[in-house]
């Protein structure tokens, strides 16, 4: 009887310790971007002259530049978050 207790006690303690150290997965919903409403939603077939086509292309380019600026800002924010996460990992290992 004592041999069973001495055998099962460490096994039970190991199982409890293993389950205490592995937290469940965290599921985070993706941020939903608002519907893109573009001022450049002019059909290309509606362009009748070259100056109108150039103006349309300039508006499209301006819209693309805005999107690229937003993406650059988002990437910079993600880099900052990655750096902060790396620092947390380093401090967690020290502690």
N, C-alpha and C. Protein backbone atom coordinates (compact mmCIF):
# COMPACT_ATOMS: atom_id res chain seq x y z
N UNK A 1 0.83 -1.19 0.00
CA UNK A 1 0.00 0.00 0.00
C UNK A 1 0.88 1.26 0.00
N UNK A 2 1.89 1.22 0.81
CA UNK A 2 2.78 2.37 0.91
C UNK A 2 3.55 2.57 -0.41
N UNK A 3 3.87 1.47 -1.08
CA UNK A 3 4.59 1.57 -2.35
C UNK A 3 3.70 2.24 -3.41
N UNK A 4 2.42 1.95 -3.39
CA UNK A 4 1.50 2.58 -4.34
C UNK A 4 1.42 4.09 -4.09
N UNK A 5 1.32 4.46 -2.84
CA UNK A 5 1.24 5.88 -2.51
C UNK A 5 2.52 6.59 -2.93
N UNK A 6 3.65 5.97 -2.65
CA UNK A 6 4.92 6.59 -3.03
C UNK A 6 5.09 6.65 -4.54
N UNK A 7 4.46 5.76 -5.26
CA UNK A 7 4.54 5.78 -6.72
C UNK A 7 3.59 6.82 -7.32
N UNK A 8 2.34 6.83 -6.85
CA UNK A 8 1.34 7.70 -7.44
C UNK A 8 1.46 9.16 -7.00
N UNK A 9 2.01 9.42 -5.83
CA UNK A 9 2.15 10.79 -5.35
C UNK A 9 3.05 11.62 -6.27
N UNK A 10 4.25 11.17 -6.64
CA UNK A 10 5.06 11.97 -7.56
C UNK A 10 4.42 12.11 -8.95
N UNK A 11 3.75 11.05 -9.41
CA UNK A 11 3.09 11.13 -10.71
C UNK A 11 1.98 12.17 -10.66
N UNK A 12 1.20 12.17 -9.62
CA UNK A 12 0.13 13.14 -9.46
C UNK A 12 0.68 14.55 -9.35
N UNK A 13 1.73 14.73 -8.59
CA UNK A 13 2.34 16.05 -8.46
C UNK A 13 2.91 16.53 -9.79
N UNK A 14 3.48 15.64 -10.56
CA UNK A 14 4.02 16.02 -11.87
C UNK A 14 2.89 16.45 -12.81
N UNK A 15 1.78 15.74 -12.79
CA UNK A 15 0.64 16.11 -13.63
C UNK A 15 0.07 17.47 -13.24
N UNK A 16 -0.03 17.72 -11.95
CA UNK A 16 -0.56 19.00 -11.48
C UNK A 16 0.39 20.12 -11.87
N UNK A 17 1.68 19.92 -11.72
CA UNK A 17 2.65 20.95 -12.07
C UNK A 17 2.66 21.21 -13.57
N UNK A 18 2.53 20.18 -14.36
CA UNK A 18 2.54 20.34 -15.82
C UNK A 18 1.30 21.10 -16.29
N UNK A 19 0.16 20.80 -15.70
CA UNK A 19 -1.05 21.49 -16.14
C UNK A 19 -1.08 22.92 -15.62
N UNK A 20 -0.42 23.22 -14.53
CA UNK A 20 -0.40 24.57 -13.99
C UNK A 20 0.50 25.48 -14.81
N UNK A 21 1.48 24.94 -15.51
CA UNK A 21 2.43 25.76 -16.24
C UNK A 21 2.04 25.99 -17.69
N UNK A 22 1.05 25.30 -18.20
CA UNK A 22 0.69 25.48 -19.59
C UNK A 22 -0.70 26.11 -19.69
N UNK A 23 -0.74 27.45 -19.88
CA UNK A 23 -2.04 28.10 -19.97
C UNK A 23 -2.73 27.76 -21.29
N UNK A 24 -4.01 27.91 -21.28
CA UNK A 24 -4.78 27.63 -22.49
C UNK A 24 -4.50 28.66 -23.57
N UNK A 25 -4.78 28.33 -24.80
CA UNK A 25 -4.52 29.27 -25.89
C UNK A 25 -5.44 30.49 -25.80
N UNK A 26 -4.90 31.63 -26.18
CA UNK A 26 -5.67 32.87 -26.18
C UNK A 26 -6.03 33.18 -27.63
N UNK A 27 -7.31 33.29 -27.89
CA UNK A 27 -7.79 33.58 -29.23
C UNK A 27 -8.20 35.05 -29.29
N UNK A 28 -7.59 35.78 -30.22
CA UNK A 28 -7.88 37.20 -30.36
C UNK A 28 -8.51 37.43 -31.72
N UNK A 29 -9.63 38.10 -31.72
CA UNK A 29 -10.31 38.40 -32.97
C UNK A 29 -9.53 39.46 -33.73
N UNK A 30 -9.50 39.33 -35.03
CA UNK A 30 -8.83 40.32 -35.87
C UNK A 30 -9.66 41.60 -35.87
N UNK A 31 -8.95 42.71 -35.89
CA UNK A 31 -9.65 43.99 -35.94
C UNK A 31 -10.26 44.15 -37.32
N UNK A 32 -11.54 44.40 -37.33
CA UNK A 32 -12.21 44.54 -38.62
C UNK A 32 -12.06 45.98 -39.09
N UNK A 33 -11.52 46.13 -40.27
CA UNK A 33 -11.34 47.46 -40.84
C UNK A 33 -12.67 47.96 -41.37
N UNK A 34 -12.90 49.26 -41.28
CA UNK A 34 -14.14 49.79 -41.83
C UNK A 34 -14.17 49.62 -43.34
N UNK A 35 -15.36 49.57 -43.86
CA UNK A 35 -15.51 49.39 -45.30
C UNK A 35 -14.84 50.54 -46.03
N UNK A 36 -14.02 50.20 -46.99
CA UNK A 36 -13.28 51.22 -47.72
C UNK A 36 -14.20 51.92 -48.70
N UNK A 37 -14.41 53.19 -48.44
CA UNK A 37 -15.19 53.98 -49.37
C UNK A 37 -14.22 54.90 -50.08
N UNK A 38 -14.11 54.74 -51.33
CA UNK A 38 -13.12 55.47 -52.09
C UNK A 38 -13.78 56.58 -52.90
N UNK A 39 -13.14 57.73 -52.88
CA UNK A 39 -13.64 58.83 -53.70
C UNK A 39 -13.26 58.62 -55.16
N UNK A 40 -12.42 57.62 -55.38
CA UNK A 40 -11.96 57.35 -56.75
C UNK A 40 -12.76 56.23 -57.39
N UNK A 41 -13.96 55.99 -56.90
CA UNK A 41 -14.77 54.91 -57.44
C UNK A 41 -15.47 55.35 -58.72
N UNK A 42 -14.69 55.86 -59.63
CA UNK A 42 -15.23 56.29 -60.92
C UNK A 42 -14.92 55.19 -61.92
N UNK A 43 -15.90 54.74 -62.66
CA UNK A 43 -15.61 53.70 -63.64
C UNK A 43 -14.66 54.23 -64.71
N UNK A 44 -13.73 53.40 -65.09
CA UNK A 44 -12.73 53.80 -66.07
C UNK A 44 -13.40 54.08 -67.41
N UNK A 45 -14.47 53.42 -67.71
CA UNK A 45 -15.17 53.64 -68.98
C UNK A 45 -15.77 55.05 -69.03
N UNK A 46 -15.97 55.70 -67.85
CA UNK A 46 -16.55 57.03 -67.80
C UNK A 46 -15.55 58.12 -68.16
N UNK A 47 -14.28 57.77 -68.29
CA UNK A 47 -13.26 58.75 -68.64
C UNK A 47 -13.27 58.91 -70.16
N UNK A 48 -13.49 60.16 -70.60
CA UNK A 48 -13.61 60.36 -72.04
C UNK A 48 -12.41 61.08 -72.65
N UNK A 49 -11.60 61.72 -71.82
CA UNK A 49 -10.46 62.43 -72.39
C UNK A 49 -9.20 62.13 -71.59
N UNK A 50 -8.08 62.44 -72.16
CA UNK A 50 -6.79 62.17 -71.51
C UNK A 50 -6.63 63.01 -70.24
N UNK A 51 -6.98 64.29 -70.23
CA UNK A 51 -6.86 65.05 -68.97
C UNK A 51 -7.73 64.47 -67.85
N UNK A 52 -8.93 64.00 -68.21
CA UNK A 52 -9.79 63.37 -67.20
C UNK A 52 -9.16 62.08 -66.68
N UNK A 53 -8.53 61.33 -67.58
CA UNK A 53 -7.86 60.08 -67.17
C UNK A 53 -6.69 60.39 -66.26
N UNK A 54 -5.96 61.46 -66.56
CA UNK A 54 -4.81 61.83 -65.72
C UNK A 54 -5.30 62.24 -64.33
N UNK A 55 -6.38 63.02 -64.28
CA UNK A 55 -6.95 63.43 -62.98
C UNK A 55 -7.39 62.20 -62.18
N UNK A 56 -8.02 61.26 -62.88
CA UNK A 56 -8.46 60.03 -62.21
C UNK A 56 -7.27 59.26 -61.66
N UNK A 57 -6.23 59.14 -62.45
CA UNK A 57 -5.03 58.42 -61.99
C UNK A 57 -4.38 59.14 -60.81
N UNK A 58 -4.40 60.48 -60.82
CA UNK A 58 -3.84 61.22 -59.69
C UNK A 58 -4.65 60.99 -58.41
N UNK A 59 -5.97 60.92 -58.55
CA UNK A 59 -6.80 60.63 -57.38
C UNK A 59 -6.55 59.21 -56.88
N UNK A 60 -6.41 58.29 -57.81
CA UNK A 60 -6.12 56.90 -57.41
C UNK A 60 -4.76 56.83 -56.72
N UNK A 61 -3.78 57.55 -57.24
CA UNK A 61 -2.45 57.57 -56.64
C UNK A 61 -2.50 58.17 -55.24
N UNK A 62 -3.27 59.25 -55.08
CA UNK A 62 -3.41 59.87 -53.76
C UNK A 62 -4.05 58.89 -52.77
N UNK A 63 -5.06 58.16 -53.23
CA UNK A 63 -5.69 57.15 -52.38
C UNK A 63 -4.72 56.04 -52.01
N UNK A 64 -3.91 55.62 -52.97
CA UNK A 64 -2.92 54.58 -52.69
C UNK A 64 -1.87 55.07 -51.70
N UNK A 65 -1.47 56.35 -51.85
CA UNK A 65 -0.49 56.91 -50.92
C UNK A 65 -1.04 56.94 -49.49
N UNK A 66 -2.34 57.24 -49.35
CA UNK A 66 -2.95 57.22 -48.03
C UNK A 66 -2.93 55.81 -47.43
N UNK A 67 -3.26 54.83 -48.25
CA UNK A 67 -3.26 53.44 -47.77
C UNK A 67 -1.85 53.02 -47.37
N UNK A 68 -0.87 53.39 -48.18
CA UNK A 68 0.52 53.05 -47.86
C UNK A 68 0.98 53.72 -46.58
N UNK A 69 0.55 54.96 -46.34
CA UNK A 69 0.92 55.65 -45.11
C UNK A 69 0.30 54.95 -43.89
N UNK A 70 -0.95 54.52 -44.02
CA UNK A 70 -1.61 53.80 -42.93
C UNK A 70 -0.90 52.47 -42.66
N UNK A 71 -0.53 51.78 -43.74
CA UNK A 71 0.16 50.50 -43.57
C UNK A 71 1.53 50.70 -42.93
N UNK A 72 2.23 51.75 -43.31
CA UNK A 72 3.53 52.03 -42.72
C UNK A 72 3.40 52.31 -41.23
N UNK A 73 2.38 53.09 -40.86
CA UNK A 73 2.15 53.38 -39.45
C UNK A 73 1.81 52.10 -38.68
N UNK A 74 1.02 51.23 -39.30
CA UNK A 74 0.66 49.97 -38.64
C UNK A 74 1.89 49.08 -38.48
N UNK A 75 2.75 49.03 -39.48
CA UNK A 75 3.98 48.23 -39.38
C UNK A 75 4.91 48.77 -38.30
N UNK A 76 5.01 50.09 -38.19
CA UNK A 76 5.84 50.68 -37.14
C UNK A 76 5.29 50.33 -35.77
N UNK A 77 3.96 50.37 -35.63
CA UNK A 77 3.34 50.01 -34.35
C UNK A 77 3.59 48.53 -34.04
N UNK A 78 3.51 47.69 -35.05
CA UNK A 78 3.78 46.27 -34.83
C UNK A 78 5.24 46.04 -34.43
N UNK A 79 6.16 46.79 -35.03
CA UNK A 79 7.57 46.68 -34.64
C UNK A 79 7.76 47.08 -33.19
N UNK A 80 7.08 48.16 -32.77
CA UNK A 80 7.17 48.59 -31.37
C UNK A 80 6.63 47.50 -30.44
N UNK A 81 5.51 46.90 -30.83
CA UNK A 81 4.94 45.83 -30.00
C UNK A 81 5.87 44.62 -29.94
N UNK A 82 6.52 44.31 -31.07
CA UNK A 82 7.46 43.18 -31.09
C UNK A 82 8.64 43.46 -30.17
N UNK A 83 9.15 44.69 -30.22
CA UNK A 83 10.27 45.05 -29.34
C UNK A 83 9.85 44.95 -27.87
N UNK A 84 8.65 45.42 -27.56
CA UNK A 84 8.16 45.34 -26.19
C UNK A 84 8.00 43.88 -25.75
N UNK A 85 7.51 43.04 -26.64
CA UNK A 85 7.35 41.61 -26.32
C UNK A 85 8.71 40.96 -26.10
N UNK A 86 9.70 41.33 -26.92
CA UNK A 86 11.05 40.79 -26.72
C UNK A 86 11.62 41.20 -25.37
N UNK A 87 11.40 42.45 -24.99
CA UNK A 87 11.88 42.92 -23.70
C UNK A 87 11.19 42.17 -22.56
N UNK A 88 9.90 41.93 -22.70
CA UNK A 88 9.19 41.17 -21.66
C UNK A 88 9.74 39.76 -21.53
N UNK A 89 10.05 39.14 -22.67
CA UNK A 89 10.63 37.79 -22.61
C UNK A 89 11.97 37.82 -21.89
N UNK A 90 12.78 38.82 -22.18
CA UNK A 90 14.10 38.92 -21.54
C UNK A 90 13.94 39.12 -20.04
N UNK A 91 13.04 40.03 -19.64
CA UNK A 91 12.85 40.29 -18.22
C UNK A 91 12.22 39.09 -17.52
N UNK A 92 11.38 38.36 -18.21
CA UNK A 92 10.75 37.19 -17.62
C UNK A 92 11.79 36.10 -17.36
N UNK A 93 12.76 35.97 -18.25
CA UNK A 93 13.81 34.96 -18.05
C UNK A 93 14.71 35.33 -16.89
N UNK A 94 14.94 36.64 -16.70
CA UNK A 94 15.79 37.07 -15.59
C UNK A 94 15.13 36.84 -14.24
N UNK A 95 13.82 37.04 -14.20
CA UNK A 95 13.10 36.97 -12.94
C UNK A 95 12.85 35.56 -12.59
